[in-house]
C-alpha atoms as a PDB file:
ATOM      1  CA  UNK A   1      19.427   6.537 -36.165  1.00  0.00           C
ATOM      2  CA  UNK A   2      20.987   4.710 -33.256  1.00  0.00           C
ATOM      3  CA  UNK A   3      24.002   7.044 -33.400  1.00  0.00           C
ATOM      4  CA  UNK A   4      21.656   9.957 -32.761  1.00  0.00           C
ATOM      5  CA  UNK A   5      20.368   8.183 -29.643  1.00  0.00           C
ATOM      6  CA  UNK A   6      23.922   7.403 -28.501  1.00  0.00           C
ATOM      7  CA  UNK A   7      25.040  11.014 -29.054  1.00  0.00           C
ATOM      8  CA  UNK A   8      22.005  12.348 -27.185  1.00  0.00           C
ATOM      9  CA  UNK A   9      22.668   9.955 -24.296  1.00  0.00           C
ATOM     10  CA  UNK A  10      26.322  10.976 -24.093  1.00  0.00           C
ATOM     11  CA  UNK A  11      25.423  14.666 -24.217  1.00  0.00           C
ATOM     12  CA  UNK A  12      22.927  14.240 -21.404  1.00  0.00           C
ATOM     13  CA  UNK A  13      25.481  12.275 -19.355  1.00  0.00           C
ATOM     14  CA  UNK A  14      28.132  14.987 -19.825  1.00  0.00           C
ATOM     15  CA  UNK A  15      25.605  17.631 -18.868  1.00  0.00           C
ATOM     16  CA  UNK A  16      24.817  15.777 -15.636  1.00  0.00           C
ATOM     17  CA  UNK A  17      28.539  15.562 -14.801  1.00  0.00           C
ATOM     18  CA  UNK A  18      29.661  19.075 -15.679  1.00  0.00           C
ATOM     19  CA  UNK A  19      26.636  21.311 -15.143  1.00  0.00           C
ATOM     20  CA  UNK A  20      25.258  21.212 -11.634  1.00  0.00           C
ATOM     21  CA  UNK A  21      21.672  22.163 -10.946  1.00  0.00           C
ATOM     22  CA  UNK A  22      21.403  25.426  -9.015  1.00  0.00           C
ATOM     23  CA  UNK A  23      20.162  24.805  -5.497  1.00  0.00           C
ATOM     24  CA  UNK A  24      17.544  27.360  -4.498  1.00  0.00           C
ATOM     25  CA  UNK A  25      18.276  29.185  -1.279  1.00  0.00           C
ATOM     26  CA  UNK A  26      15.075  29.300   0.763  1.00  0.00           C
ATOM     27  CA  UNK A  27      14.636  31.234   3.983  1.00  0.00           C
ATOM     28  CA  UNK A  28      13.076  28.152   5.619  1.00  0.00           C
ATOM     29  CA  UNK A  29      13.497  24.375   5.749  1.00  0.00           C
ATOM     30  CA  UNK A  30      11.128  22.486   3.452  1.00  0.00           C
ATOM     31  CA  UNK A  31      11.121  19.456   5.785  1.00  0.00           C
ATOM     32  CA  UNK A  32      10.308  21.598   8.805  1.00  0.00           C
ATOM     33  CA  UNK A  33       7.558  23.380   6.871  1.00  0.00           C
ATOM     34  CA  UNK A  34       5.915  20.090   5.878  1.00  0.00           C
ATOM     35  CA  UNK A  35       6.164  18.796   9.451  1.00  0.00           C
ATOM     36  CA  UNK A  36       4.508  21.923  10.790  1.00  0.00           C
ATOM     37  CA  UNK A  37       1.828  21.858   8.098  1.00  0.00           C
ATOM     38  CA  UNK A  38       0.948  18.152   8.521  1.00  0.00           C
ATOM     39  CA  UNK A  39       1.656  17.756  12.239  1.00  0.00           C
ATOM     40  CA  UNK A  40       3.535  14.450  11.841  1.00  0.00           C
ATOM     41  CA  UNK A  41       7.268  13.636  12.098  1.00  0.00           C
ATOM     42  CA  UNK A  42       7.163  11.338   9.062  1.00  0.00           C
ATOM     43  CA  UNK A  43       7.394  13.880   6.257  1.00  0.00           C
ATOM     44  CA  UNK A  44       6.715  11.209   3.612  1.00  0.00           C
ATOM     45  CA  UNK A  45       3.317  10.460   5.156  1.00  0.00           C
ATOM     46  CA  UNK A  46       2.628  14.170   5.329  1.00  0.00           C
ATOM     47  CA  UNK A  47       3.361  14.558   1.625  1.00  0.00           C
ATOM     48  CA  UNK A  48       1.437  11.470   0.500  1.00  0.00           C
ATOM     49  CA  UNK A  49      -1.642  12.015   2.657  1.00  0.00           C
ATOM     50  CA  UNK A  50      -1.764  15.810   2.647  1.00  0.00           C
ATOM     51  CA  UNK A  51       0.355  17.684   0.103  1.00  0.00           C
ATOM     52  CA  UNK A  52      -0.420  15.241  -2.712  1.00  0.00           C
ATOM     53  CA  UNK A  53      -3.552  13.606  -1.323  1.00  0.00           C
ATOM     54  CA  UNK A  54      -5.300  14.142  -4.663  1.00  0.00           C
ATOM     55  CA  UNK A  55      -2.795  11.785  -6.332  1.00  0.00           C
ATOM     56  CA  UNK A  56      -2.977   9.265  -3.480  1.00  0.00           C
ATOM     57  CA  UNK A  57      -6.768   9.104  -3.689  1.00  0.00           C
ATOM     58  CA  UNK A  58      -6.608   8.127  -7.357  1.00  0.00           C
ATOM     59  CA  UNK A  59      -3.800   5.645  -6.665  1.00  0.00           C
ATOM     60  CA  UNK A  60      -6.180   3.829  -4.309  1.00  0.00           C
ATOM     61  CA  UNK A  61      -8.882   3.928  -6.985  1.00  0.00           C
ATOM     62  CA  UNK A  62      -6.452   2.537  -9.593  1.00  0.00           C
ATOM     63  CA  UNK A  63      -5.533  -0.315  -7.242  1.00  0.00           C
ATOM     64  CA  UNK A  64      -9.238  -1.099  -6.829  1.00  0.00           C
ATOM     65  CA  UNK A  65      -9.740  -1.121 -10.597  1.00  0.00           C
ATOM     66  CA  UNK A  66      -6.733  -3.450 -10.999  1.00  0.00           C
ATOM     67  CA  UNK A  67      -8.313  -5.982  -8.613  1.00  0.00           C
ATOM     68  CA  UNK A  68     -11.615  -5.779 -10.455  1.00  0.00           C
ATOM     69  CA  UNK A  69      -9.753  -6.214 -13.750  1.00  0.00           C
ATOM     70  CA  UNK A  70      -7.957  -9.347 -12.563  1.00  0.00           C
ATOM     71  CA  UNK A  71     -11.270 -10.850 -11.503  1.00  0.00           C
ATOM     72  CA  UNK A  72     -12.926  -9.884 -14.789  1.00  0.00           C
ATOM     73  CA  UNK A  73     -10.147 -11.156 -17.082  1.00  0.00           C
ATOM     74  CA  UNK A  74      -9.854 -14.534 -15.365  1.00  0.00           C
ATOM     75  CA  UNK A  75     -13.582 -15.109 -14.775  1.00  0.00           C
ATOM     76  CA  UNK A  76     -14.077 -17.027 -18.039  1.00  0.00           C
ATOM     77  CA  UNK A  77     -11.080 -19.320 -17.597  1.00  0.00           C
ATOM     78  CA  UNK A  78     -11.215 -22.848 -16.296  1.00  0.00           C
ATOM     79  CA  UNK A  79     -10.222 -23.161 -12.629  1.00  0.00           C
ATOM     80  CA  UNK A  80      -6.863 -24.831 -12.071  1.00  0.00           C
ATOM     81  CA  UNK A  81      -7.005 -28.497 -11.117  1.00  0.00           C
ATOM     82  CA  UNK A  82      -3.632 -28.414  -9.329  1.00  0.00           C
ATOM     83  CA  UNK A  83      -2.701 -26.134  -6.447  1.00  0.00           C
ATOM     84  CA  UNK A  84       1.025 -25.709  -5.763  1.00  0.00           C
ATOM     85  CA  UNK A  85       1.646 -25.526  -2.020  1.00  0.00           C
ATOM     86  CA  UNK A  86       4.256 -26.394   0.574  1.00  0.00           C
ATOM     87  CA  UNK A  87       3.986 -29.939   1.845  1.00  0.00           C
ATOM     88  CA  UNK A  88       6.926 -30.433   4.219  1.00  0.00           C
ATOM     89  CA  UNK A  89       6.351 -29.383   7.807  1.00  0.00           C
ATOM     90  CA  UNK A  90       9.504 -27.284   8.130  1.00  0.00           C
ATOM     91  CA  UNK A  91       8.522 -25.054   5.195  1.00  0.00           C
ATOM     92  CA  UNK A  92       4.970 -24.771   6.505  1.00  0.00           C
ATOM     93  CA  UNK A  93       6.240 -23.777   9.948  1.00  0.00           C
ATOM     94  CA  UNK A  94       8.616 -21.159   8.542  1.00  0.00           C
ATOM     95  CA  UNK A  95       5.948 -19.750   6.208  1.00  0.00           C
ATOM     96  CA  UNK A  96       3.415 -19.378   9.027  1.00  0.00           C
ATOM     97  CA  UNK A  97       6.036 -17.848  11.295  1.00  0.00           C
ATOM     98  CA  UNK A  98       6.838 -15.372   8.530  1.00  0.00           C
ATOM     99  CA  UNK A  99       3.124 -14.675   8.097  1.00  0.00           C
ATOM    100  CA  UNK A 100       2.779 -13.885  11.804  1.00  0.00           C
ATOM    101  CA  UNK A 101       5.758 -11.527  11.719  1.00  0.00           C
ATOM    102  CA  UNK A 102       4.514  -9.837   8.533  1.00  0.00           C
ATOM    103  CA  UNK A 103       1.052  -9.348  10.032  1.00  0.00           C
ATOM    104  CA  UNK A 104       2.486  -7.775  13.199  1.00  0.00           C
ATOM    105  CA  UNK A 105       4.751  -5.527  11.130  1.00  0.00           C
ATOM    106  CA  UNK A 106       1.755  -4.496   9.004  1.00  0.00           C
ATOM    107  CA  UNK A 107      -0.249  -3.516  12.084  1.00  0.00           C
ATOM    108  CA  UNK A 108       2.712  -1.541  13.449  1.00  0.00           C
ATOM    109  CA  UNK A 109       3.238   0.283  10.149  1.00  0.00           C
ATOM    110  CA  UNK A 110      -0.456   1.149   9.875  1.00  0.00           C
ATOM    111  CA  UNK A 111      -0.799   2.489  13.425  1.00  0.00           C
ATOM    112  CA  UNK A 112       2.551   4.302  13.684  1.00  0.00           C
ATOM    113  CA  UNK A 113       3.170   5.099  10.022  1.00  0.00           C
ATOM    114  CA  UNK A 114       2.782   8.830  10.646  1.00  0.00           C
ATOM    115  CA  UNK A 115       5.478   8.777  13.355  1.00  0.00           C
ATOM    116  CA  UNK A 116       8.152   6.560  11.833  1.00  0.00           C
ATOM    117  CA  UNK A 117       9.007   5.078   8.414  1.00  0.00           C
ATOM    118  CA  UNK A 118       5.986   3.192   7.172  1.00  0.00           C
ATOM    119  CA  UNK A 119       2.435   4.064   6.271  1.00  0.00           C
ATOM    120  CA  UNK A 120      -0.694   2.609   4.758  1.00  0.00           C
ATOM    121  CA  UNK A 121       0.777   1.224   1.541  1.00  0.00           C
ATOM    122  CA  UNK A 122       3.721  -0.433   3.303  1.00  0.00           C
ATOM    123  CA  UNK A 123       1.372  -1.831   5.953  1.00  0.00           C
ATOM    124  CA  UNK A 124      -0.954  -3.205   3.271  1.00  0.00           C
ATOM    125  CA  UNK A 125       1.963  -4.878   1.481  1.00  0.00           C
ATOM    126  CA  UNK A 126       3.063  -6.488   4.752  1.00  0.00           C
ATOM    127  CA  UNK A 127      -0.488  -7.693   5.361  1.00  0.00           C
ATOM    128  CA  UNK A 128      -0.764  -9.034   1.825  1.00  0.00           C
ATOM    129  CA  UNK A 129       2.552 -10.859   2.292  1.00  0.00           C
ATOM    130  CA  UNK A 130       1.172 -12.497   5.435  1.00  0.00           C
ATOM    131  CA  UNK A 131      -1.943 -13.592   3.555  1.00  0.00           C
ATOM    132  CA  UNK A 132       0.156 -14.981   0.695  1.00  0.00           C
ATOM    133  CA  UNK A 133       2.308 -17.008   3.097  1.00  0.00           C
ATOM    134  CA  UNK A 134      -0.804 -18.430   4.742  1.00  0.00           C
ATOM    135  CA  UNK A 135      -2.244 -19.252   1.311  1.00  0.00           C
ATOM    136  CA  UNK A 136       0.708 -21.451   0.319  1.00  0.00           C
ATOM    137  CA  UNK A 137       0.320 -23.508   3.498  1.00  0.00           C
ATOM    138  CA  UNK A 138      -3.499 -23.791   3.783  1.00  0.00           C
ATOM    139  CA  UNK A 139      -6.306 -25.267   1.747  1.00  0.00           C
ATOM    140  CA  UNK A 140      -7.963 -22.925  -0.792  1.00  0.00           C
ATOM    141  CA  UNK A 141     -11.401 -23.860   0.533  1.00  0.00           C
ATOM    142  CA  UNK A 142     -10.444 -22.741   4.031  1.00  0.00           C
ATOM    143  CA  UNK A 143      -9.041 -19.458   2.718  1.00  0.00           C
ATOM    144  CA  UNK A 144     -12.249 -18.820   0.759  1.00  0.00           C
ATOM    145  CA  UNK A 145     -14.414 -19.626   3.780  1.00  0.00           C
ATOM    146  CA  UNK A 146     -12.499 -17.197   5.994  1.00  0.00           C
ATOM    147  CA  UNK A 147     -12.706 -14.533   3.281  1.00  0.00           C
ATOM    148  CA  UNK A 148     -16.492 -14.877   3.090  1.00  0.00           C
ATOM    149  CA  UNK A 149     -17.051 -15.349   6.831  1.00  0.00           C
ATOM    150  CA  UNK A 150     -15.372 -12.056   7.687  1.00  0.00           C
ATOM    151  CA  UNK A 151     -16.995 -10.249   4.707  1.00  0.00           C
ATOM    152  CA  UNK A 152     -13.552  -9.142   3.502  1.00  0.00           C
ATOM    153  CA  UNK A 153     -14.886  -7.996   0.124  1.00  0.00           C
ATOM    154  CA  UNK A 154     -17.410  -5.720   1.833  1.00  0.00           C
ATOM    155  CA  UNK A 155     -14.811  -4.259   4.198  1.00  0.00           C
ATOM    156  CA  UNK A 156     -12.512  -3.598   1.258  1.00  0.00           C
ATOM    157  CA  UNK A 157     -15.193  -1.602  -0.550  1.00  0.00           C
ATOM    158  CA  UNK A 158     -16.157   0.253   2.627  1.00  0.00           C
ATOM    159  CA  UNK A 159     -12.532   1.224   3.302  1.00  0.00           C
ATOM    160  CA  UNK A 160     -12.216   2.633  -0.232  1.00  0.00           C
ATOM    161  CA  UNK A 161     -15.414   4.660   0.043  1.00  0.00           C
ATOM    162  CA  UNK A 162     -14.530   6.032   3.489  1.00  0.00           C
ATOM    163  CA  UNK A 163     -11.027   6.911   2.259  1.00  0.00           C
ATOM    164  CA  UNK A 164     -12.430   8.809  -0.723  1.00  0.00           C
ATOM    165  CA  UNK A 165     -14.941  10.689   1.461  1.00  0.00           C
ATOM    166  CA  UNK A 166     -12.308  11.663   4.045  1.00  0.00           C
ATOM    167  CA  UNK A 167      -9.898  12.654   1.269  1.00  0.00           C
ATOM    168  CA  UNK A 168     -12.478  14.943  -0.306  1.00  0.00           C
ATOM    169  CA  UNK A 169     -13.200  16.497   3.094  1.00  0.00           C
ATOM    170  CA  UNK A 170      -9.473  17.070   3.658  1.00  0.00           C
ATOM    171  CA  UNK A 171      -8.986  18.541   0.202  1.00  0.00           C
ATOM    172  CA  UNK A 172     -11.956  20.832   0.867  1.00  0.00           C
ATOM    173  CA  UNK A 173     -10.234  22.249   3.944  1.00  0.00           C
ATOM    174  CA  UNK A 174     -11.725  20.130   6.707  1.00  0.00           C
ATOM    175  CA  UNK A 175      -9.310  18.512   9.132  1.00  0.00           C
ATOM    176  CA  UNK A 176      -9.048  17.177  12.661  1.00  0.00           C
ATOM    177  CA  UNK A 177      -6.861  18.768  15.357  1.00  0.00           C
ATOM    178  CA  UNK A 178      -3.190  17.923  14.862  1.00  0.00           C
ATOM    179  CA  UNK A 179      -2.551  17.206  18.524  1.00  0.00           C
ATOM    180  CA  UNK A 180       0.926  16.975  20.005  1.00  0.00           C
ATOM    181  CA  UNK A 181       3.747  16.308  17.535  1.00  0.00           C
ATOM    182  CA  UNK A 182       5.151  12.795  18.014  1.00  0.00           C
ATOM    183  CA  UNK A 183       2.169  11.403  19.912  1.00  0.00           C
ATOM    184  CA  UNK A 184       0.295   8.340  18.637  1.00  0.00           C
ATOM    185  CA  UNK A 185      -2.958  10.290  18.344  1.00  0.00           C
ATOM    186  CA  UNK A 186      -1.738  13.219  16.292  1.00  0.00           C
ATOM    187  CA  UNK A 187      -1.576  14.401  12.715  1.00  0.00           C
ATOM    188  CA  UNK A 188      -5.284  15.004  12.257  1.00  0.00           C
ATOM    189  CA  UNK A 189      -6.694  12.850   9.461  1.00  0.00           C
ATOM    190  CA  UNK A 190      -3.374  11.267   8.429  1.00  0.00           C
ATOM    191  CA  UNK A 191      -3.403   8.262  10.844  1.00  0.00           C
ATOM    192  CA  UNK A 192      -6.988   7.411   9.851  1.00  0.00           C
ATOM    193  CA  UNK A 193      -6.124   7.573   6.150  1.00  0.00           C
ATOM    194  CA  UNK A 194      -3.064   5.383   6.790  1.00  0.00           C
ATOM    195  CA  UNK A 195      -5.178   2.688   8.445  1.00  0.00           C
ATOM    196  CA  UNK A 196      -7.803   2.801   5.678  1.00  0.00           C
ATOM    197  CA  UNK A 197      -5.151   2.401   2.983  1.00  0.00           C
ATOM    198  CA  UNK A 198      -3.603  -0.511   4.890  1.00  0.00           C
ATOM    199  CA  UNK A 199      -6.976  -2.272   5.132  1.00  0.00           C
ATOM    200  CA  UNK A 200      -7.693  -1.661   1.455  1.00  0.00           C
ATOM    201  CA  UNK A 201      -4.320  -2.924   0.203  1.00  0.00           C
ATOM    202  CA  UNK A 202      -4.254  -5.973   2.498  1.00  0.00           C
ATOM    203  CA  UNK A 203      -7.817  -7.082   1.685  1.00  0.00           C
ATOM    204  CA  UNK A 204      -7.306  -6.323  -1.997  1.00  0.00           C
ATOM    205  CA  UNK A 205      -4.185  -8.493  -1.974  1.00  0.00           C
ATOM    206  CA  UNK A 206      -6.235 -11.237  -0.334  1.00  0.00           C
ATOM    207  CA  UNK A 207      -8.785 -11.051  -3.153  1.00  0.00           C
ATOM    208  CA  UNK A 208      -6.048 -11.249  -5.805  1.00  0.00           C
ATOM    209  CA  UNK A 209      -4.412 -14.213  -4.038  1.00  0.00           C
ATOM    210  CA  UNK A 210      -7.721 -16.103  -4.026  1.00  0.00           C
ATOM    211  CA  UNK A 211      -8.235 -15.323  -7.726  1.00  0.00           C
ATOM    212  CA  UNK A 212      -4.794 -16.612  -8.705  1.00  0.00           C
ATOM    213  CA  UNK A 213      -5.156 -19.682  -6.500  1.00  0.00           C
ATOM    214  CA  UNK A 214      -8.385 -20.572  -8.274  1.00  0.00           C
ATOM    215  CA  UNK A 215      -7.317 -19.913 -11.854  1.00  0.00           C
ATOM    216  CA  UNK A 216      -3.514 -20.261 -11.773  1.00  0.00           C
ATOM    217  CA  UNK A 217      -2.889 -22.795  -9.040  1.00  0.00           C
ATOM    218  CA  UNK A 218      -1.455 -20.076  -6.724  1.00  0.00           C
ATOM    219  CA  UNK A 219       0.754 -17.151  -7.715  1.00  0.00           C
END
């Protein structure tokens, strides 16, 4: 049977080398069309938050379910008695410096993600990285107190609900004025959706970090 798989793989490889896919000749540029339709220079953001917003909305929902699943699956386990963290001052200093840089990069990607490479998911990952670096240099109790003091769990849920509502409005045909191409306030609903995704991913990462600190002794 494995020879059938090998023969099929070789045939597919030869096909990729010898038979080129026909390139359709269109009377317009696809990139330019997406830019004009979305009103933002970053075509990727235009595709994610406009052309395939339906998929993006459910990606955010899946991420939310994954966080809830991690909390549910580990809820019955015994909390870890040992937390692995940095102890030397040089590592702590470098980790907190990296956290500061990651947080600033996350804010930049969230605000200007529709103008340059970036966007809500990348911004949320940068924010989650900053939170993870702080977690390996700070006490778990302090991290939990900050999480509760700023009502991070509530803000995470609110960001998801607002994102879903705005996505449904956009998919139904409602949109804000696009403004001037290349300006910070432009692109209609796209910048707002970018910021909401960034908040959701960053705060969701914070929740997962706290869960793994409690039950796994960090990540």
